[in-house]
PDB file of N, CA and C in Angstrom:
ATOM      1  N   MET A   1     -19.948  19.041  -5.232  1.00  0.00           N
ATOM      2  CA  MET A   1     -20.514  17.722  -5.174  1.00  0.00           C
ATOM      3  C   MET A   1     -19.379  16.694  -5.158  1.00  0.00           C
ATOM      4  N   LYS A   2     -19.484  15.727  -4.250  1.00  0.00           N
ATOM      5  CA  LYS A   2     -18.464  14.694  -4.144  1.00  0.00           C
ATOM      6  C   LYS A   2     -18.589  13.695  -5.279  1.00  0.00           C
ATOM      7  N   LYS A   3     -17.428  13.272  -5.798  1.00  0.00           N
ATOM      8  CA  LYS A   3     -17.417  12.235  -6.813  1.00  0.00           C
ATOM      9  C   LYS A   3     -17.422  10.881  -6.123  1.00  0.00           C
ATOM     10  N   THR A   4     -18.177   9.961  -6.664  1.00  0.00           N
ATOM     11  CA  THR A   4     -18.210   8.614  -6.132  1.00  0.00           C
ATOM     12  C   THR A   4     -17.027   7.833  -6.698  1.00  0.00           C
ATOM     13  N   LYS A   5     -16.273   7.203  -5.810  1.00  0.00           N
ATOM     14  CA  LYS A   5     -15.131   6.393  -6.251  1.00  0.00           C
ATOM     15  C   LYS A   5     -15.609   4.984  -6.546  1.00  0.00           C
ATOM     16  N   THR A   6     -15.130   4.446  -7.633  1.00  0.00           N
ATOM     17  CA  THR A   6     -15.426   3.071  -7.995  1.00  0.00           C
ATOM     18  C   THR A   6     -14.281   2.194  -7.507  1.00  0.00           C
ATOM     19  N   ALA A   7     -14.630   1.077  -6.917  1.00  0.00           N
ATOM     20  CA  ALA A   7     -13.614   0.172  -6.388  1.00  0.00           C
ATOM     21  C   ALA A   7     -12.807  -0.451  -7.527  1.00  0.00           C
ATOM     22  N   VAL A   8     -11.510  -0.552  -7.309  1.00  0.00           N
ATOM     23  CA  VAL A   8     -10.617  -1.223  -8.245  1.00  0.00           C
ATOM     24  C   VAL A   8     -10.783  -2.725  -8.039  1.00  0.00           C
ATOM     25  N   SER A   9     -10.739  -3.488  -9.097  1.00  0.00           N
ATOM     26  CA  SER A   9     -10.906  -4.937  -8.944  1.00  0.00           C
ATOM     27  C   SER A   9      -9.692  -5.539  -8.235  1.00  0.00           C
ATOM     28  N   VAL A  10      -9.962  -6.554  -7.446  1.00  0.00           N
ATOM     29  CA  VAL A  10      -8.894  -7.237  -6.709  1.00  0.00           C
ATOM     30  C   VAL A  10      -7.895  -7.848  -7.683  1.00  0.00           C
ATOM     31  N   ASP A  11      -8.369  -8.398  -8.790  1.00  0.00           N
ATOM     32  CA  ASP A  11      -7.456  -8.988  -9.782  1.00  0.00           C
ATOM     33  C   ASP A  11      -6.462  -7.963 -10.312  1.00  0.00           C
ATOM     34  N   ASP A  12      -6.942  -6.746 -10.587  1.00  0.00           N
ATOM     35  CA  ASP A  12      -6.055  -5.683 -11.069  1.00  0.00           C
ATOM     36  C   ASP A  12      -5.035  -5.302 -10.004  1.00  0.00           C
ATOM     37  N   LEU A  13      -5.488  -5.200  -8.760  1.00  0.00           N
ATOM     38  CA  LEU A  13      -4.573  -4.848  -7.670  1.00  0.00           C
ATOM     39  C   LEU A  13      -3.485  -5.909  -7.484  1.00  0.00           C
ATOM     40  N   VAL A  14      -3.881  -7.168  -7.521  1.00  0.00           N
ATOM     41  CA  VAL A  14      -2.914  -8.257  -7.311  1.00  0.00           C
ATOM     42  C   VAL A  14      -1.874  -8.275  -8.427  1.00  0.00           C
ATOM     43  N   ARG A  15      -2.272  -7.934  -9.639  1.00  0.00           N
ATOM     44  CA  ARG A  15      -1.309  -7.878 -10.747  1.00  0.00           C
ATOM     45  C   ARG A  15      -0.258  -6.792 -10.506  1.00  0.00           C
ATOM     46  N   GLU A  16      -0.700  -5.645 -10.018  1.00  0.00           N
ATOM     47  CA  GLU A  16       0.212  -4.515  -9.797  1.00  0.00           C
ATOM     48  C   GLU A  16       0.900  -4.557  -8.434  1.00  0.00           C
ATOM     49  N   TYR A  17       0.209  -5.086  -7.445  1.00  0.00           N
ATOM     50  CA  TYR A  17       0.701  -5.108  -6.064  1.00  0.00           C
ATOM     51  C   TYR A  17       0.600  -6.547  -5.535  1.00  0.00           C
ATOM     52  N   PRO A  18       1.587  -7.386  -5.831  1.00  0.00           N
ATOM     53  CA  PRO A  18       1.468  -8.823  -5.549  1.00  0.00           C
ATOM     54  C   PRO A  18       1.634  -9.247  -4.089  1.00  0.00           C
ATOM     55  N   ILE A  19       1.951  -8.319  -3.194  1.00  0.00           N
ATOM     56  CA  ILE A  19       2.105  -8.669  -1.775  1.00  0.00           C
ATOM     57  C   ILE A  19       0.818  -8.284  -1.061  1.00  0.00           C
ATOM     58  N   PHE A  20       0.141  -9.276  -0.502  1.00  0.00           N
ATOM     59  CA  PHE A  20      -1.114  -8.982   0.196  1.00  0.00           C
ATOM     60  C   PHE A  20      -1.292  -9.941   1.364  1.00  0.00           C
ATOM     61  N   GLY A  21      -2.242  -9.597   2.232  1.00  0.00           N
ATOM     62  CA  GLY A  21      -2.489 -10.427   3.401  1.00  0.00           C
ATOM     63  C   GLY A  21      -1.890  -9.873   4.686  1.00  0.00           C
ATOM     64  N   THR A  22      -1.026  -8.862   4.575  1.00  0.00           N
ATOM     65  CA  THR A  22      -0.423  -8.297   5.788  1.00  0.00           C
ATOM     66  C   THR A  22      -1.335  -7.262   6.434  1.00  0.00           C
ATOM     67  N   VAL A  23      -2.067  -6.510   5.634  1.00  0.00           N
ATOM     68  CA  VAL A  23      -3.050  -5.545   6.131  1.00  0.00           C
ATOM     69  C   VAL A  23      -4.322  -5.798   5.333  1.00  0.00           C
ATOM     70  N   THR A  24      -5.407  -6.088   6.022  1.00  0.00           N
ATOM     71  CA  THR A  24      -6.656  -6.434   5.368  1.00  0.00           C
ATOM     72  C   THR A  24      -7.083  -5.357   4.373  1.00  0.00           C
ATOM     73  N   GLY A  25      -7.314  -5.790   3.132  1.00  0.00           N
ATOM     74  CA  GLY A  25      -7.803  -4.885   2.103  1.00  0.00           C
ATOM     75  C   GLY A  25      -6.736  -4.072   1.396  1.00  0.00           C
ATOM     76  N   TRP A  26      -5.470  -4.274   1.749  1.00  0.00           N
ATOM     77  CA  TRP A  26      -4.380  -3.517   1.138  1.00  0.00           C
ATOM     78  C   TRP A  26      -3.471  -4.453   0.361  1.00  0.00           C
ATOM     79  N   TYR A  27      -2.868  -3.917  -0.694  1.00  0.00           N
ATOM     80  CA  TYR A  27      -1.987  -4.667  -1.587  1.00  0.00           C
ATOM     81  C   TYR A  27      -0.699  -3.865  -1.750  1.00  0.00           C
ATOM     82  N   PHE A  28       0.449  -4.565  -1.724  1.00  0.00           N
ATOM     83  CA  PHE A  28       1.743  -3.890  -1.684  1.00  0.00           C
ATOM     84  C   PHE A  28       2.695  -4.432  -2.746  1.00  0.00           C
ATOM     85  N   ARG A  29       3.715  -3.621  -3.034  1.00  0.00           N
ATOM     86  CA  ARG A  29       4.849  -4.037  -3.850  1.00  0.00           C
ATOM     87  C   ARG A  29       6.075  -3.306  -3.318  1.00  0.00           C
ATOM     88  N   CYS A  30       7.237  -3.897  -3.540  1.00  0.00           N
ATOM     89  CA  CYS A  30       8.486  -3.268  -3.123  1.00  0.00           C
ATOM     90  C   CYS A  30       9.520  -3.565  -4.190  1.00  0.00           C
ATOM     91  N   ARG A  31      10.190  -2.528  -4.653  1.00  0.00           N
ATOM     92  CA  ARG A  31      11.183  -2.727  -5.705  1.00  0.00           C
ATOM     93  C   ARG A  31      12.394  -1.841  -5.481  1.00  0.00           C
ATOM     94  N   GLU A  32      13.494  -2.275  -6.024  1.00  0.00           N
ATOM     95  CA  GLU A  32      14.720  -1.498  -5.942  1.00  0.00           C
ATOM     96  C   GLU A  32      14.671  -0.432  -7.027  1.00  0.00           C
ATOM     97  N   VAL A  33      14.757   0.829  -6.623  1.00  0.00           N
ATOM     98  CA  VAL A  33      14.654   1.938  -7.570  1.00  0.00           C
ATOM     99  C   VAL A  33      16.007   2.572  -7.868  1.00  0.00           C
ATOM    100  N   GLY A  34      17.011   2.149  -7.158  1.00  0.00           N
ATOM    101  CA  GLY A  34      18.381   2.615  -7.348  1.00  0.00           C
ATOM    102  C   GLY A  34      19.281   1.691  -6.561  1.00  0.00           C
ATOM    103  N   PRO A  35      20.565   1.821  -6.692  1.00  0.00           N
ATOM    104  CA  PRO A  35      21.466   0.941  -5.943  1.00  0.00           C
ATOM    105  C   PRO A  35      21.224   1.045  -4.429  1.00  0.00           C
ATOM    106  N   GLY A  36      20.669  -0.017  -3.865  1.00  0.00           N
ATOM    107  CA  GLY A  36      20.414  -0.046  -2.430  1.00  0.00           C
ATOM    108  C   GLY A  36      19.282   0.858  -1.966  1.00  0.00           C
ATOM    109  N   GLN A  37      18.423   1.315  -2.875  1.00  0.00           N
ATOM    110  CA  GLN A  37      17.280   2.178  -2.537  1.00  0.00           C
ATOM    111  C   GLN A  37      15.985   1.457  -2.894  1.00  0.00           C
ATOM    112  N   TYR A  38      15.123   1.279  -1.917  1.00  0.00           N
ATOM    113  CA  TYR A  38      13.886   0.530  -2.125  1.00  0.00           C
ATOM    114  C   TYR A  38      12.671   1.425  -1.930  1.00  0.00           C
ATOM    115  N   LEU A  39      11.707   1.223  -2.790  1.00  0.00           N
ATOM    116  CA  LEU A  39      10.432   1.932  -2.714  1.00  0.00           C
ATOM    117  C   LEU A  39       9.341   0.898  -2.514  1.00  0.00           C
ATOM    118  N   ALA A  40       8.632   1.007  -1.398  1.00  0.00           N
ATOM    119  CA  ALA A  40       7.474   0.155  -1.137  1.00  0.00           C
ATOM    120  C   ALA A  40       6.233   1.003  -1.374  1.00  0.00           C
ATOM    121  N   GLN A  41       5.252   0.419  -2.043  1.00  0.00           N
ATOM    122  CA  GLN A  41       4.011   1.122  -2.328  1.00  0.00           C
ATOM    123  C   GLN A  41       2.842   0.214  -2.007  1.00  0.00           C
ATOM    124  N   GLY A  42       1.750   0.812  -1.572  1.00  0.00           N
ATOM    125  CA  GLY A  42       0.551   0.056  -1.283  1.00  0.00           C
ATOM    126  C   GLY A  42      -0.678   0.809  -1.739  1.00  0.00           C
ATOM    127  N   GLN A  43      -1.729   0.052  -2.031  1.00  0.00           N
ATOM    128  CA  GLN A  43      -2.994   0.655  -2.454  1.00  0.00           C
ATOM    129  C   GLN A  43      -4.132  -0.231  -1.991  1.00  0.00           C
ATOM    130  N   ASP A  44      -5.274   0.396  -1.692  1.00  0.00           N
ATOM    131  CA  ASP A  44      -6.463  -0.378  -1.379  1.00  0.00           C
ATOM    132  C   ASP A  44      -7.434  -0.266  -2.554  1.00  0.00           C
ATOM    133  N   GLN A  45      -8.567  -0.946  -2.443  1.00  0.00           N
ATOM    134  CA  GLN A  45      -9.531  -0.968  -3.545  1.00  0.00           C
ATOM    135  C   GLN A  45     -10.139   0.395  -3.847  1.00  0.00           C
ATOM    136  N   TRP A  46     -10.072   1.319  -2.914  1.00  0.00           N
ATOM    137  CA  TRP A  46     -10.708   2.625  -3.103  1.00  0.00           C
ATOM    138  C   TRP A  46      -9.723   3.696  -3.556  1.00  0.00           C
ATOM    139  N   GLY A  47      -8.500   3.273  -3.885  1.00  0.00           N
ATOM    140  CA  GLY A  47      -7.541   4.202  -4.459  1.00  0.00           C
ATOM    141  C   GLY A  47      -6.646   4.916  -3.458  1.00  0.00           C
ATOM    142  N   ARG A  48      -6.830   4.636  -2.170  1.00  0.00           N
ATOM    143  CA  ARG A  48      -5.921   5.227  -1.188  1.00  0.00           C
ATOM    144  C   ARG A  48      -4.564   4.568  -1.345  1.00  0.00           C
ATOM    145  N   SER A  49      -3.505   5.356  -1.182  1.00  0.00           N
ATOM    146  CA  SER A  49      -2.173   4.789  -1.387  1.00  0.00           C
ATOM    147  C   SER A  49      -1.198   5.249  -0.308  1.00  0.00           C
ATOM    148  N   VAL A  50      -0.191   4.434  -0.099  1.00  0.00           N
ATOM    149  CA  VAL A  50       0.888   4.718   0.851  1.00  0.00           C
ATOM    150  C   VAL A  50       2.203   4.334   0.190  1.00  0.00           C
ATOM    151  N   SER A  51       3.301   4.919   0.683  1.00  0.00           N
ATOM    152  CA  SER A  51       4.613   4.541   0.162  1.00  0.00           C
ATOM    153  C   SER A  51       5.688   4.850   1.196  1.00  0.00           C
ATOM    154  N   ALA A  52       6.821   4.199   1.034  1.00  0.00           N
ATOM    155  CA  ALA A  52       7.959   4.426   1.928  1.00  0.00           C
ATOM    156  C   ALA A  52       9.245   4.072   1.191  1.00  0.00           C
ATOM    157  N   TYR A  53      10.298   4.855   1.452  1.00  0.00           N
ATOM    158  CA  TYR A  53      11.635   4.602   0.912  1.00  0.00           C
ATOM    159  C   TYR A  53      12.538   4.124   2.028  1.00  0.00           C
ATOM    160  N   SER A  54      13.496   3.269   1.683  1.00  0.00           N
ATOM    161  CA  SER A  54      14.508   2.839   2.644  1.00  0.00           C
ATOM    162  C   SER A  54      15.684   2.233   1.896  1.00  0.00           C
ATOM    163  N   THR A  55      16.784   2.066   2.614  1.00  0.00           N
ATOM    164  CA  THR A  55      17.930   1.373   2.039  1.00  0.00           C
ATOM    165  C   THR A  55      17.805  -0.136   2.259  1.00  0.00           C
ATOM    166  N   ASP A  56      16.728  -0.556   2.920  1.00  0.00           N
ATOM    167  CA  ASP A  56      16.486  -1.967   3.197  1.00  0.00           C
ATOM    168  C   ASP A  56      15.087  -2.359   2.713  1.00  0.00           C
ATOM    169  N   HIS A  57      15.007  -3.419   1.940  1.00  0.00           N
ATOM    170  CA  HIS A  57      13.724  -3.898   1.387  1.00  0.00           C
ATOM    171  C   HIS A  57      12.681  -4.127   2.477  1.00  0.00           C
ATOM    172  N   ASP A  58      13.051  -4.894   3.508  1.00  0.00           N
ATOM    173  CA  ASP A  58      12.095  -5.244   4.565  1.00  0.00           C
ATOM    174  C   ASP A  58      11.636  -4.021   5.356  1.00  0.00           C
ATOM    175  N   THR A  59      12.539  -3.077   5.586  1.00  0.00           N
ATOM    176  CA  THR A  59      12.192  -1.861   6.315  1.00  0.00           C
ATOM    177  C   THR A  59      11.207  -1.015   5.513  1.00  0.00           C
ATOM    178  N   ALA A  60      11.456  -0.864   4.224  1.00  0.00           N
ATOM    179  CA  ALA A  60      10.541  -0.092   3.370  1.00  0.00           C
ATOM    180  C   ALA A  60       9.153  -0.708   3.397  1.00  0.00           C
ATOM    181  N   LEU A  61       9.076  -2.022   3.266  1.00  0.00           N
ATOM    182  CA  LEU A  61       7.782  -2.697   3.265  1.00  0.00           C
ATOM    183  C   LEU A  61       7.099  -2.601   4.630  1.00  0.00           C
ATOM    184  N   ALA A  62       7.860  -2.730   5.706  1.00  0.00           N
ATOM    185  CA  ALA A  62       7.282  -2.626   7.056  1.00  0.00           C
ATOM    186  C   ALA A  62       6.721  -1.228   7.317  1.00  0.00           C
ATOM    187  N   GLU A  63       7.448  -0.196   6.907  1.00  0.00           N
ATOM    188  CA  GLU A  63       6.958   1.170   7.090  1.00  0.00           C
ATOM    189  C   GLU A  63       5.701   1.416   6.264  1.00  0.00           C
ATOM    190  N   CYS A  64       5.697   0.917   5.055  1.00  0.00           N
ATOM    191  CA  CYS A  64       4.550   1.102   4.175  1.00  0.00           C
ATOM    192  C   CYS A  64       3.300   0.423   4.753  1.00  0.00           C
ATOM    193  N   THR A  65       3.463  -0.811   5.243  1.00  0.00           N
ATOM    194  CA  THR A  65       2.311  -1.503   5.827  1.00  0.00           C
ATOM    195  C   THR A  65       1.844  -0.801   7.103  1.00  0.00           C
ATOM    196  N   GLN A  66       2.770  -0.230   7.859  1.00  0.00           N
ATOM    197  CA  GLN A  66       2.387   0.511   9.058  1.00  0.00           C
ATOM    198  C   GLN A  66       1.551   1.737   8.701  1.00  0.00           C
ATOM    199  N   PHE A  67       1.923   2.432   7.630  1.00  0.00           N
ATOM    200  CA  PHE A  67       1.133   3.587   7.177  1.00  0.00           C
ATOM    201  C   PHE A  67      -0.295   3.151   6.821  1.00  0.00           C
ATOM    202  N   ALA A  68      -0.423   1.999   6.174  1.00  0.00           N
ATOM    203  CA  ALA A  68      -1.751   1.489   5.810  1.00  0.00           C
ATOM    204  C   ALA A  68      -2.557   1.167   7.073  1.00  0.00           C
ATOM    205  N   ARG A  69      -1.908   0.578   8.066  1.00  0.00           N
ATOM    206  CA  ARG A  69      -2.599   0.276   9.335  1.00  0.00           C
ATOM    207  C   ARG A  69      -3.082   1.563  10.018  1.00  0.00           C
ATOM    208  N   GLU A  70      -2.261   2.601   9.967  1.00  0.00           N
ATOM    209  CA  GLU A  70      -2.650   3.874  10.574  1.00  0.00           C
ATOM    210  C   GLU A  70      -3.869   4.462   9.882  1.00  0.00           C
ATOM    211  N   ILE A  71      -3.936   4.348   8.567  1.00  0.00           N
ATOM    212  CA  ILE A  71      -5.120   4.825   7.832  1.00  0.00           C
ATOM    213  C   ILE A  71      -6.347   4.046   8.279  1.00  0.00           C
ATOM    214  N   GLN A  72      -6.220   2.733   8.417  1.00  0.00           N
ATOM    215  CA  GLN A  72      -7.344   1.924   8.871  1.00  0.00           C
ATOM    216  C   GLN A  72      -7.794   2.307  10.267  1.00  0.00           C
ATOM    217  N   CYS A  73      -6.850   2.562  11.163  1.00  0.00           N
ATOM    218  CA  CYS A  73      -7.193   2.968  12.541  1.00  0.00           C
ATOM    219  C   CYS A  73      -7.922   4.296  12.561  1.00  0.00           C
ATOM    220  N   ARG A  74      -7.443   5.260  11.769  1.00  0.00           N
ATOM    221  CA  ARG A  74      -8.117   6.569  11.695  1.00  0.00           C
ATOM    222  C   ARG A  74      -9.518   6.427  11.135  1.00  0.00           C
ATOM    223  N   GLU A  75      -9.663   5.546  10.164  1.00  0.00           N
ATOM    224  CA  GLU A  75     -10.970   5.326   9.536  1.00  0.00           C
ATOM    225  C   GLU A  75     -11.957   4.744  10.543  1.00  0.00           C
ATOM    226  N   ARG A  76     -11.504   3.799  11.344  1.00  0.00           N
ATOM    227  CA  ARG A  76     -12.379   3.153  12.334  1.00  0.00           C
ATOM    228  C   ARG A  76     -12.785   4.111  13.449  1.00  0.00           C
ATOM    229  N   SER A  77     -11.894   5.036  13.794  1.00  0.00           N
ATOM    230  CA  SER A  77     -12.186   5.932  14.919  1.00  0.00           C
ATOM    231  C   SER A  77     -12.987   7.167  14.501  1.00  0.00           C
ATOM    232  N   SER A  78     -13.186   7.364  13.222  1.00  0.00           N
ATOM    233  CA  SER A  78     -13.948   8.550  12.794  1.00  0.00           C
ATOM    234  C   SER A  78     -15.402   8.230  12.531  1.00  0.00           C
TER     235      SER A  78
END
């Protein structure tokens, strides 16, 4: 039997993932996790998540948002 997922509140997401508006329904954050190493993470209200590492902040965030867009495209086509 499938478990029903409860949506995470937008307020909670914005607190944890303060970058939003680039991909509808997704919230992102990017932080330096080591010298010159960046981890970008994103999550939507239903708990789906994406992440990307890079030596550049903007590149990590761009890759992460692209992964979120790909999930949305797959969702629309199924």
